[in-house]
C-alpha cells in the first residue's frame, strides 16, 4: 500500500496490524484503487479479518496499541 497516499491514521493502523501479525485483507474501494480499478470517493477503509482465537489476540493487541491503551 506504499504506492497509495493514505491518511496518517490508516497508515498507522495498518502498521499496528502488521506489527502484531494480524491476518487481514483490505477490501472495498481502497483495494480496488490499489489494483488500478476505478477511483471512488471513500472516506473509510474496509477490512476482512481472519476469525481465529490466535488472530483475535493479535487484533486486540494491535487495537490496544493503536488507541494508546
C-alpha atoms as a PDB file:
ATOM      1  CA  UNK A   1       0.000   0.000   0.000  1.00  0.00           C
ATOM      2  CA  UNK A   2       3.025   2.271  -0.086  1.00  0.00           C
ATOM      3  CA  UNK A   3       2.094   3.451  -3.590  1.00  0.00           C
ATOM      4  CA  UNK A   4      -1.211   4.953  -2.488  1.00  0.00           C
ATOM      5  CA  UNK A   5      -1.448   8.041  -0.330  1.00  0.00           C
ATOM      6  CA  UNK A   6      -3.152   7.043   2.903  1.00  0.00           C
ATOM      7  CA  UNK A   7      -4.428   9.189   5.684  1.00  0.00           C
ATOM      8  CA  UNK A   8      -1.996   9.092   8.598  1.00  0.00           C
ATOM      9  CA  UNK A   9      -4.450   7.200  10.841  1.00  0.00           C
ATOM     10  CA  UNK A  10      -4.958   4.484   8.238  1.00  0.00           C
ATOM     11  CA  UNK A  11      -1.227   4.053   7.730  1.00  0.00           C
ATOM     12  CA  UNK A  12      -0.593   3.930  11.494  1.00  0.00           C
ATOM     13  CA  UNK A  13      -3.386   1.373  11.992  1.00  0.00           C
ATOM     14  CA  UNK A  14      -2.049  -0.848   9.197  1.00  0.00           C
ATOM     15  CA  UNK A  15       1.430  -0.666  10.744  1.00  0.00           C
ATOM     16  CA  UNK A  16      -0.041  -1.830  14.076  1.00  0.00           C
ATOM     17  CA  UNK A  17      -1.834  -4.706  12.365  1.00  0.00           C
ATOM     18  CA  UNK A  18       1.374  -5.773  10.631  1.00  0.00           C
ATOM     19  CA  UNK A  19       3.498  -5.388  13.770  1.00  0.00           C
ATOM     20  CA  UNK A  20       1.130  -7.682  15.676  1.00  0.00           C
ATOM     21  CA  UNK A  21       0.938 -10.178  12.792  1.00  0.00           C
ATOM     22  CA  UNK A  22      -2.815  -9.798  12.297  1.00  0.00           C
ATOM     23  CA  UNK A  23      -4.141 -11.820   9.368  1.00  0.00           C
ATOM     24  CA  UNK A  24      -6.301  -9.380   7.382  1.00  0.00           C
ATOM     25  CA  UNK A  25      -7.222  -8.150   3.937  1.00  0.00           C
ATOM     26  CA  UNK A  26      -8.088  -4.648   2.862  1.00  0.00           C
ATOM     27  CA  UNK A  27     -11.253  -4.823   0.795  1.00  0.00           C
ATOM     28  CA  UNK A  28     -13.621  -2.353  -0.839  1.00  0.00           C
ATOM     29  CA  UNK A  29     -12.758   0.911  -2.579  1.00  0.00           C
ATOM     30  CA  UNK A  30      -9.182   1.191  -1.278  1.00  0.00           C
ATOM     31  CA  UNK A  31      -8.383  -2.323  -2.528  1.00  0.00           C
ATOM     32  CA  UNK A  32      -9.931  -1.546  -5.922  1.00  0.00           C
ATOM     33  CA  UNK A  33      -7.892   1.639  -6.274  1.00  0.00           C
ATOM     34  CA  UNK A  34      -4.691  -0.177  -5.252  1.00  0.00           C
ATOM     35  CA  UNK A  35      -5.233  -2.708  -8.035  1.00  0.00           C
ATOM     36  CA  UNK A  36      -5.803   0.010 -10.622  1.00  0.00           C
ATOM     37  CA  UNK A  37      -9.567  -0.096 -10.809  1.00  0.00           C
ATOM     38  CA  UNK A  38     -11.786   2.938 -10.720  1.00  0.00           C
ATOM     39  CA  UNK A  39     -11.129   5.578  -8.092  1.00  0.00           C
ATOM     40  CA  UNK A  40     -14.078   6.348  -5.942  1.00  0.00           C
ATOM     41  CA  UNK A  41     -14.534   8.798  -3.119  1.00  0.00           C
ATOM     42  CA  UNK A  42     -14.456   6.769   0.059  1.00  0.00           C
ATOM     43  CA  UNK A  43     -13.603   8.070   3.489  1.00  0.00           C
ATOM     44  CA  UNK A  44     -13.492   4.694   5.186  1.00  0.00           C
ATOM     45  CA  UNK A  45     -11.323   1.614   4.839  1.00  0.00           C
ATOM     46  CA  UNK A  46     -12.813  -1.866   4.908  1.00  0.00           C
ATOM     47  CA  UNK A  47     -11.016  -4.835   6.434  1.00  0.00           C
ATOM     48  CA  UNK A  48     -11.680  -8.552   6.404  1.00  0.00           C
ATOM     49  CA  UNK A  49     -10.066 -10.265   9.391  1.00  0.00           C
ATOM     50  CA  UNK A  50      -9.455 -13.999   9.761  1.00  0.00           C
ATOM     51  CA  UNK A  51     -11.603 -15.410  12.537  1.00  0.00           C
ATOM     52  CA  UNK A  52      -9.433 -17.479  14.862  1.00  0.00           C
ATOM     53  CA  UNK A  53      -8.561 -17.414  18.552  1.00  0.00           C
ATOM     54  CA  UNK A  54      -4.925 -16.590  17.818  1.00  0.00           C
ATOM     55  CA  UNK A  55      -5.794 -13.787  15.383  1.00  0.00           C
ATOM     56  CA  UNK A  56      -8.305 -12.408  17.868  1.00  0.00           C
ATOM     57  CA  UNK A  57      -5.476 -11.915  20.373  1.00  0.00           C
ATOM     58  CA  UNK A  58      -3.334 -10.249  17.693  1.00  0.00           C
ATOM     59  CA  UNK A  59      -6.167  -7.888  16.765  1.00  0.00           C
ATOM     60  CA  UNK A  60      -6.788  -6.996  20.393  1.00  0.00           C
ATOM     61  CA  UNK A  61      -3.103  -6.182  20.927  1.00  0.00           C
ATOM     62  CA  UNK A  62      -2.965  -4.074  17.750  1.00  0.00           C
ATOM     63  CA  UNK A  63      -6.093  -2.086  18.606  1.00  0.00           C
ATOM     64  CA  UNK A  64      -4.897  -1.514  22.173  1.00  0.00           C
ATOM     65  CA  UNK A  65      -1.573  -0.158  20.887  1.00  0.00           C
ATOM     66  CA  UNK A  66      -3.225   1.977  18.213  1.00  0.00           C
ATOM     67  CA  UNK A  67      -5.653   3.506  20.716  1.00  0.00           C
ATOM     68  CA  UNK A  68      -2.880   4.200  23.224  1.00  0.00           C
ATOM     69  CA  UNK A  69      -4.317   1.889  25.862  1.00  0.00           C
END
